[in-house]
Amino acid sequence: MINLFLGKKNPEIEAQAKKLGFEKILFTKVIRIIKDFDQDTNSKNYDSCLMHTDNIENLRRFIDKASFLNLKVIVLGTSNEINRISLENKKVFALLDPDYERKKDFLDSRDSGLNQVLCKIARDNKKLILINLNNLNNSRNLGRTLQNFKLCKKFKTQIQLVDIKDNSSTEEMKSSFELKELERILKTHEHFDFESLKEFKIKVFHMIYVSKKI
């Protein structure tokens, strides 16, 4: 299991994260504009870049630049078109939060940023779908996350929860074992009606914010 830290590499944080059971830790630089690729943006300081843009041409430039610097490419799912381009691109490692800031759902389903076509593309191209733990904070995002876990399970697409923090501390960070247990629950939850989601949200809230151990 992997986890993301926003900021430069930090040996102490890496050691702490490994104690929490994470096999791989990615220290990540957020890229919003091309100037974010400064002289410190290299594989000595970072493991990956998180592309935060809804502009397709900018995204392609960012991906090429990060790949040239030997940094893993993670793309934030700011639109359905961005999602597809990312999952089709051989240089992209993972797609984070495919439903990022979606304001409305479809009439007959949730706009979760994934569908059966995109899940098959992700599976065939061996892309990883990452879901930020904060996505479980409200019922709308929780419903979309449940839909994505169900889709990925059906089409055998890799999907994983991540507890994204900055690189200053691992305090209050969930262990890999807690995240895996939450993943298990998300994959086995079948119902999307309002009352079911309401009860499920209470259960998830308890696991994230109240329980010391799972």
C-alpha atoms as a PDB file:
ATOM      1  CA  MET A   1       0.000   0.000   0.000  1.00  0.00           C
ATOM      2  CA  ILE A   2       1.216   3.505  -0.848  1.00  0.00           C
ATOM      3  CA  ASN A   3       0.567   6.901   0.679  1.00  0.00           C
ATOM      4  CA  LEU A   4       1.183  10.493  -0.404  1.00  0.00           C
ATOM      5  CA  PHE A   5       2.916  13.294   1.460  1.00  0.00           C
ATOM      6  CA  LEU A   6       2.771  16.783  -0.017  1.00  0.00           C
ATOM      7  CA  GLY A   7       6.259  18.275   0.132  1.00  0.00           C
ATOM      8  CA  LYS A   8       9.917  17.390  -0.175  1.00  0.00           C
ATOM      9  CA  LYS A   9      11.393  14.072   0.893  1.00  0.00           C
ATOM     10  CA  ASN A  10      11.740  13.697   4.642  1.00  0.00           C
ATOM     11  CA  PRO A  11      13.583  10.611   6.004  1.00  0.00           C
ATOM     12  CA  GLU A  12      11.957  10.897   9.440  1.00  0.00           C
ATOM     13  CA  ILE A  13       8.454  11.038   8.021  1.00  0.00           C
ATOM     14  CA  GLU A  14       9.271   8.122   5.697  1.00  0.00           C
ATOM     15  CA  ALA A  15      10.448   6.027   8.657  1.00  0.00           C
ATOM     16  CA  GLN A  16       7.297   6.835  10.640  1.00  0.00           C
ATOM     17  CA  ALA A  17       5.058   6.020   7.684  1.00  0.00           C
ATOM     18  CA  LYS A  18       6.749   2.649   7.226  1.00  0.00           C
ATOM     19  CA  LYS A  19       6.029   1.890  10.876  1.00  0.00           C
ATOM     20  CA  LEU A  20       2.371   2.482  10.040  1.00  0.00           C
ATOM     21  CA  GLY A  21       2.606  -0.291   7.457  1.00  0.00           C
ATOM     22  CA  PHE A  22       3.023   1.630   4.194  1.00  0.00           C
ATOM     23  CA  GLU A  23       5.169  -0.172   1.645  1.00  0.00           C
ATOM     24  CA  LYS A  24       5.765   2.907  -0.524  1.00  0.00           C
ATOM     25  CA  ILE A  25       5.701   6.594   0.366  1.00  0.00           C
ATOM     26  CA  LEU A  26       5.494   9.209  -2.373  1.00  0.00           C
ATOM     27  CA  PHE A  27       6.665  12.718  -1.519  1.00  0.00           C
ATOM     28  CA  THR A  28       4.716  14.812  -3.965  1.00  0.00           C
ATOM     29  CA  LYS A  29       4.964  18.236  -5.611  1.00  0.00           C
ATOM     30  CA  VAL A  30       1.659  19.849  -6.587  1.00  0.00           C
ATOM     31  CA  ILE A  31       1.759  21.352 -10.097  1.00  0.00           C
ATOM     32  CA  ARG A  32      -0.835  23.967 -11.050  1.00  0.00           C
ATOM     33  CA  ILE A  33       1.172  26.051 -13.535  1.00  0.00           C
ATOM     34  CA  ILE A  34       4.327  25.318 -15.530  1.00  0.00           C
ATOM     35  CA  LYS A  35       6.353  27.631 -13.263  1.00  0.00           C
ATOM     36  CA  ASP A  36       5.758  25.195 -10.394  1.00  0.00           C
ATOM     37  CA  PHE A  37       8.472  23.105 -12.047  1.00  0.00           C
ATOM     38  CA  ASP A  38      11.255  25.078 -10.351  1.00  0.00           C
ATOM     39  CA  GLN A  39      14.905  24.073  -9.892  1.00  0.00           C
ATOM     40  CA  ASP A  40      14.009  22.006  -6.802  1.00  0.00           C
ATOM     41  CA  THR A  41      11.525  19.860  -8.727  1.00  0.00           C
ATOM     42  CA  ASN A  42      13.602  16.742  -9.287  1.00  0.00           C
ATOM     43  CA  SER A  43      13.855  13.115  -8.199  1.00  0.00           C
ATOM     44  CA  LYS A  44      16.284  14.062  -5.419  1.00  0.00           C
ATOM     45  CA  ASN A  45      13.590  16.070  -3.632  1.00  0.00           C
ATOM     46  CA  TYR A  46      10.362  14.405  -4.771  1.00  0.00           C
ATOM     47  CA  ASP A  47       8.988  11.047  -5.880  1.00  0.00           C
ATOM     48  CA  SER A  48       5.991  12.294  -7.824  1.00  0.00           C
ATOM     49  CA  CYS A  49       4.054  15.279  -9.138  1.00  0.00           C
ATOM     50  CA  LEU A  50       0.324  15.840  -8.646  1.00  0.00           C
ATOM     51  CA  MET A  51      -1.161  17.605 -11.675  1.00  0.00           C
ATOM     52  CA  HIS A  52      -3.949  19.972 -10.639  1.00  0.00           C
ATOM     53  CA  THR A  53      -5.413  21.455 -13.820  1.00  0.00           C
ATOM     54  CA  ASP A  54      -8.554  21.300 -15.932  1.00  0.00           C
ATOM     55  CA  ASN A  55      -6.708  22.433 -19.058  1.00  0.00           C
ATOM     56  CA  ILE A  56      -5.905  19.534 -21.375  1.00  0.00           C
ATOM     57  CA  GLU A  57      -2.934  21.143 -23.122  1.00  0.00           C
ATOM     58  CA  ASN A  58      -1.401  22.159 -19.793  1.00  0.00           C
ATOM     59  CA  LEU A  59      -1.919  18.644 -18.493  1.00  0.00           C
ATOM     60  CA  ARG A  60      -0.019  17.145 -21.431  1.00  0.00           C
ATOM     61  CA  ARG A  61       2.847  19.605 -20.903  1.00  0.00           C
ATOM     62  CA  PHE A  62       2.960  18.835 -17.188  1.00  0.00           C
ATOM     63  CA  ILE A  63       2.981  15.068 -17.801  1.00  0.00           C
ATOM     64  CA  ASP A  64       5.824  15.302 -20.314  1.00  0.00           C
ATOM     65  CA  LYS A  65       7.852  17.559 -18.013  1.00  0.00           C
ATOM     66  CA  ALA A  66       7.436  15.312 -14.948  1.00  0.00           C
ATOM     67  CA  SER A  67       8.217  12.213 -16.961  1.00  0.00           C
ATOM     68  CA  PHE A  68      11.418  13.862 -18.282  1.00  0.00           C
ATOM     69  CA  LEU A  69      12.396  14.528 -14.643  1.00  0.00           C
ATOM     70  CA  ASN A  70      11.802  10.833 -13.759  1.00  0.00           C
ATOM     71  CA  LEU A  71       8.938  11.685 -11.394  1.00  0.00           C
ATOM     72  CA  LYS A  72       5.790   9.593 -11.102  1.00  0.00           C
ATOM     73  CA  VAL A  73       2.740  11.338 -12.522  1.00  0.00           C
ATOM     74  CA  ILE A  74      -0.484  11.557 -10.519  1.00  0.00           C
ATOM     75  CA  VAL A  75      -3.428  13.467 -11.974  1.00  0.00           C
ATOM     76  CA  LEU A  76      -6.279  15.032 -10.013  1.00  0.00           C
ATOM     77  CA  GLY A  77      -9.617  14.112 -11.614  1.00  0.00           C
ATOM     78  CA  THR A  78     -10.861  17.635 -12.315  1.00  0.00           C
ATOM     79  CA  SER A  79     -13.105  16.584 -15.238  1.00  0.00           C
ATOM     80  CA  ASN A  80     -14.257  13.439 -17.000  1.00  0.00           C
ATOM     81  CA  GLU A  81     -12.173  14.370 -20.050  1.00  0.00           C
ATOM     82  CA  ILE A  82      -9.069  14.838 -17.900  1.00  0.00           C
ATOM     83  CA  ASN A  83      -9.769  11.429 -16.365  1.00  0.00           C
ATOM     84  CA  ARG A  84      -9.894   9.664 -19.715  1.00  0.00           C
ATOM     85  CA  ILE A  85      -6.770  11.353 -21.072  1.00  0.00           C
ATOM     86  CA  SER A  86      -4.898  10.457 -17.882  1.00  0.00           C
ATOM     87  CA  LEU A  87      -5.946   6.813 -17.895  1.00  0.00           C
ATOM     88  CA  GLU A  88      -4.977   6.482 -21.566  1.00  0.00           C
ATOM     89  CA  ASN A  89      -1.559   8.117 -21.122  1.00  0.00           C
ATOM     90  CA  LYS A  90       1.302   5.640 -20.632  1.00  0.00           C
ATOM     91  CA  LYS A  91       3.260   8.160 -18.544  1.00  0.00           C
ATOM     92  CA  VAL A  92       0.573   8.523 -15.856  1.00  0.00           C
ATOM     93  CA  PHE A  93       0.942   6.431 -12.707  1.00  0.00           C
ATOM     94  CA  ALA A  94      -2.359   7.140 -10.959  1.00  0.00           C
ATOM     95  CA  LEU A  95      -5.602   9.131 -11.022  1.00  0.00           C
ATOM     96  CA  LEU A  96      -6.556  10.828  -7.743  1.00  0.00           C
ATOM     97  CA  ASP A  97     -10.190  11.521  -6.809  1.00  0.00           C
ATOM     98  CA  PRO A  98     -11.848  11.010 -10.225  1.00  0.00           C
ATOM     99  CA  ASP A  99     -14.943  12.825  -8.909  1.00  0.00           C
ATOM    100  CA  TYR A 100     -13.044  15.906  -7.720  1.00  0.00           C
ATOM    101  CA  GLU A 101     -15.378  18.881  -7.073  1.00  0.00           C
ATOM    102  CA  ARG A 102     -18.224  17.534  -9.193  1.00  0.00           C
ATOM    103  CA  LYS A 103     -21.197  19.755  -8.374  1.00  0.00           C
ATOM    104  CA  LYS A 104     -24.089  17.724  -9.788  1.00  0.00           C
ATOM    105  CA  ASP A 105     -24.908  14.083 -10.405  1.00  0.00           C
ATOM    106  CA  PHE A 106     -26.590  12.603 -13.470  1.00  0.00           C
ATOM    107  CA  LEU A 107     -30.320  11.909 -13.463  1.00  0.00           C
ATOM    108  CA  ASP A 108     -29.884   8.142 -13.288  1.00  0.00           C
ATOM    109  CA  SER A 109     -26.483   7.789 -11.570  1.00  0.00           C
ATOM    110  CA  ARG A 110     -23.770   9.623  -9.677  1.00  0.00           C
ATOM    111  CA  ASP A 111     -21.114  11.610 -11.532  1.00  0.00           C
ATOM    112  CA  SER A 112     -18.285   9.729  -9.872  1.00  0.00           C
ATOM    113  CA  GLY A 113     -15.757  10.397 -12.650  1.00  0.00           C
ATOM    114  CA  LEU A 114     -15.582   6.712 -13.586  1.00  0.00           C
ATOM    115  CA  ASN A 115     -17.696   4.358 -15.670  1.00  0.00           C
ATOM    116  CA  GLN A 116     -17.265   0.864 -17.071  1.00  0.00           C
ATOM    117  CA  VAL A 117     -15.301   2.137 -20.102  1.00  0.00           C
ATOM    118  CA  LEU A 118     -12.828   4.117 -17.989  1.00  0.00           C
ATOM    119  CA  CYS A 119     -12.454   1.271 -15.514  1.00  0.00           C
ATOM    120  CA  LYS A 120     -11.551  -1.092 -18.357  1.00  0.00           C
ATOM    121  CA  ILE A 121      -9.044   1.428 -19.729  1.00  0.00           C
ATOM    122  CA  ALA A 122      -7.497   1.823 -16.273  1.00  0.00           C
ATOM    123  CA  ARG A 123      -7.339  -1.942 -15.808  1.00  0.00           C
ATOM    124  CA  ASP A 124      -5.824  -2.629 -19.227  1.00  0.00           C
ATOM    125  CA  ASN A 125      -3.264   0.183 -18.812  1.00  0.00           C
ATOM    126  CA  LYS A 126      -2.510  -0.867 -15.220  1.00  0.00           C
ATOM    127  CA  LYS A 127      -3.438   2.511 -13.747  1.00  0.00           C
ATOM    128  CA  LEU A 128      -4.126   3.019 -10.063  1.00  0.00           C
ATOM    129  CA  ILE A 129      -7.197   4.903  -8.846  1.00  0.00           C
ATOM    130  CA  LEU A 130      -6.497   6.769  -5.602  1.00  0.00           C
ATOM    131  CA  ILE A 131      -9.230   8.058  -3.297  1.00  0.00           C
ATOM    132  CA  ASN A 132      -8.410  10.657  -0.653  1.00  0.00           C
ATOM    133  CA  LEU A 133      -9.767   9.674   2.753  1.00  0.00           C
ATOM    134  CA  ASN A 134     -11.332  13.142   3.004  1.00  0.00           C
ATOM    135  CA  ASN A 135     -13.688  12.067   0.213  1.00  0.00           C
ATOM    136  CA  LEU A 136     -15.692  10.150   2.804  1.00  0.00           C
ATOM    137  CA  ASN A 137     -16.606  13.276   4.774  1.00  0.00           C
ATOM    138  CA  ASN A 138     -20.032  13.932   3.228  1.00  0.00           C
ATOM    139  CA  SER A 139     -22.836  11.799   1.859  1.00  0.00           C
ATOM    140  CA  ARG A 140     -22.532  12.962  -1.762  1.00  0.00           C
ATOM    141  CA  ASN A 141     -18.802  12.211  -1.983  1.00  0.00           C
ATOM    142  CA  LEU A 142     -19.270   9.012  -0.023  1.00  0.00           C
ATOM    143  CA  GLY A 143     -21.929   7.828  -2.473  1.00  0.00           C
ATOM    144  CA  ARG A 144     -19.640   8.550  -5.426  1.00  0.00           C
ATOM    145  CA  THR A 145     -16.746   6.790  -3.716  1.00  0.00           C
ATOM    146  CA  LEU A 146     -18.910   3.740  -3.052  1.00  0.00           C
ATOM    147  CA  GLN A 147     -19.932   3.714  -6.716  1.00  0.00           C
ATOM    148  CA  ASN A 148     -16.269   3.867  -7.795  1.00  0.00           C
ATOM    149  CA  PHE A 149     -15.250   1.046  -5.473  1.00  0.00           C
ATOM    150  CA  LYS A 150     -18.123  -1.054  -6.821  1.00  0.00           C
ATOM    151  CA  LEU A 151     -17.131  -0.314 -10.451  1.00  0.00           C
ATOM    152  CA  CYS A 152     -13.447  -1.030  -9.821  1.00  0.00           C
ATOM    153  CA  LYS A 153     -14.274  -4.267  -8.049  1.00  0.00           C
ATOM    154  CA  LYS A 154     -16.496  -5.371 -10.946  1.00  0.00           C
ATOM    155  CA  PHE A 155     -13.921  -4.598 -13.639  1.00  0.00           C
ATOM    156  CA  LYS A 156     -10.842  -5.580 -11.591  1.00  0.00           C
ATOM    157  CA  THR A 157      -9.395  -2.077 -11.606  1.00  0.00           C
ATOM    158  CA  GLN A 158      -6.848  -1.151  -8.952  1.00  0.00           C
ATOM    159  CA  ILE A 159      -8.284   1.273  -6.393  1.00  0.00           C
ATOM    160  CA  GLN A 160      -6.881   2.409  -3.058  1.00  0.00           C
ATOM    161  CA  LEU A 161      -7.594   4.845  -0.236  1.00  0.00           C
ATOM    162  CA  VAL A 162      -4.850   7.329   0.681  1.00  0.00           C
ATOM    163  CA  ASP A 163      -4.620   9.558   3.749  1.00  0.00           C
ATOM    164  CA  ILE A 164      -2.853  12.568   2.199  1.00  0.00           C
ATOM    165  CA  LYS A 165      -0.836  14.736   4.609  1.00  0.00           C
ATOM    166  CA  ASP A 166       1.865  17.365   4.314  1.00  0.00           C
ATOM    167  CA  ASN A 167       5.441  16.271   4.958  1.00  0.00           C
ATOM    168  CA  SER A 168       5.750  17.800   8.438  1.00  0.00           C
ATOM    169  CA  SER A 169       4.094  15.091  10.548  1.00  0.00           C
ATOM    170  CA  THR A 170       2.303  11.750  10.543  1.00  0.00           C
ATOM    171  CA  GLU A 171       0.196  12.653  13.596  1.00  0.00           C
ATOM    172  CA  GLU A 172      -3.454  11.580  13.284  1.00  0.00           C
ATOM    173  CA  MET A 173      -2.585   9.730  10.101  1.00  0.00           C
ATOM    174  CA  LYS A 174      -4.376   6.430   9.617  1.00  0.00           C
ATOM    175  CA  SER A 175      -2.265   3.295   9.343  1.00  0.00           C
ATOM    176  CA  SER A 176      -2.287   1.135   6.230  1.00  0.00           C
ATOM    177  CA  PHE A 177      -4.215  -1.510   8.191  1.00  0.00           C
ATOM    178  CA  GLU A 178      -7.009   0.949   9.003  1.00  0.00           C
ATOM    179  CA  LEU A 179      -7.204   2.076   5.375  1.00  0.00           C
ATOM    180  CA  LYS A 180      -7.352  -1.531   4.178  1.00  0.00           C
ATOM    181  CA  GLU A 181     -10.239  -2.227   6.562  1.00  0.00           C
ATOM    182  CA  LEU A 182     -12.098   0.824   5.257  1.00  0.00           C
ATOM    183  CA  GLU A 183     -11.449  -0.376   1.696  1.00  0.00           C
ATOM    184  CA  ARG A 184     -12.890  -3.764   2.579  1.00  0.00           C
ATOM    185  CA  ILE A 185     -16.056  -2.152   3.902  1.00  0.00           C
ATOM    186  CA  LEU A 186     -16.384   0.107   0.840  1.00  0.00           C
ATOM    187  CA  LYS A 187     -16.016  -2.858  -1.507  1.00  0.00           C
ATOM    188  CA  THR A 188     -18.667  -4.926   0.277  1.00  0.00           C
ATOM    189  CA  HIS A 189     -21.268  -2.169   0.796  1.00  0.00           C
ATOM    190  CA  GLU A 190     -24.025  -2.679  -1.774  1.00  0.00           C
ATOM    191  CA  HIS A 191     -26.718  -0.046  -1.163  1.00  0.00           C
ATOM    192  CA  PHE A 192     -26.869   3.563  -2.338  1.00  0.00           C
ATOM    193  CA  ASP A 193     -30.228   4.763  -1.001  1.00  0.00           C
ATOM    194  CA  PHE A 194     -30.302   7.782   1.321  1.00  0.00           C
ATOM    195  CA  GLU A 195     -31.006   5.967   4.592  1.00  0.00           C
ATOM    196  CA  SER A 196     -28.358   3.332   3.897  1.00  0.00           C
ATOM    197  CA  LEU A 197     -25.771   6.020   3.098  1.00  0.00           C
ATOM    198  CA  LYS A 198     -26.707   7.936   6.236  1.00  0.00           C
ATOM    199  CA  GLU A 199     -26.113   4.880   8.429  1.00  0.00           C
ATOM    200  CA  PHE A 200     -22.964   3.968   6.523  1.00  0.00           C
ATOM    201  CA  LYS A 201     -21.586   7.500   6.911  1.00  0.00           C
ATOM    202  CA  ILE A 202     -21.991   7.265  10.691  1.00  0.00           C
ATOM    203  CA  LYS A 203     -20.074   3.991  10.684  1.00  0.00           C
ATOM    204  CA  VAL A 204     -17.273   5.399   8.514  1.00  0.00           C
ATOM    205  CA  PHE A 205     -17.106   8.586  10.604  1.00  0.00           C
ATOM    206  CA  HIS A 206     -16.667   6.477  13.719  1.00  0.00           C
ATOM    207  CA  MET A 207     -13.860   4.485  12.112  1.00  0.00           C
ATOM    208  CA  ILE A 208     -12.041   7.559  10.782  1.00  0.00           C
ATOM    209  CA  TYR A 209     -12.386  10.013  13.640  1.00  0.00           C
ATOM    210  CA  VAL A 210     -13.276   8.094  16.796  1.00  0.00           C
ATOM    211  CA  SER A 211     -11.735   4.625  16.849  1.00  0.00           C
ATOM    212  CA  LYS A 212      -8.159   4.261  17.989  1.00  0.00           C
ATOM    213  CA  LYS A 213      -7.931   0.785  16.516  1.00  0.00           C
ATOM    214  CA  ILE A 214      -9.913  -1.224  13.979  1.00  0.00           C
END
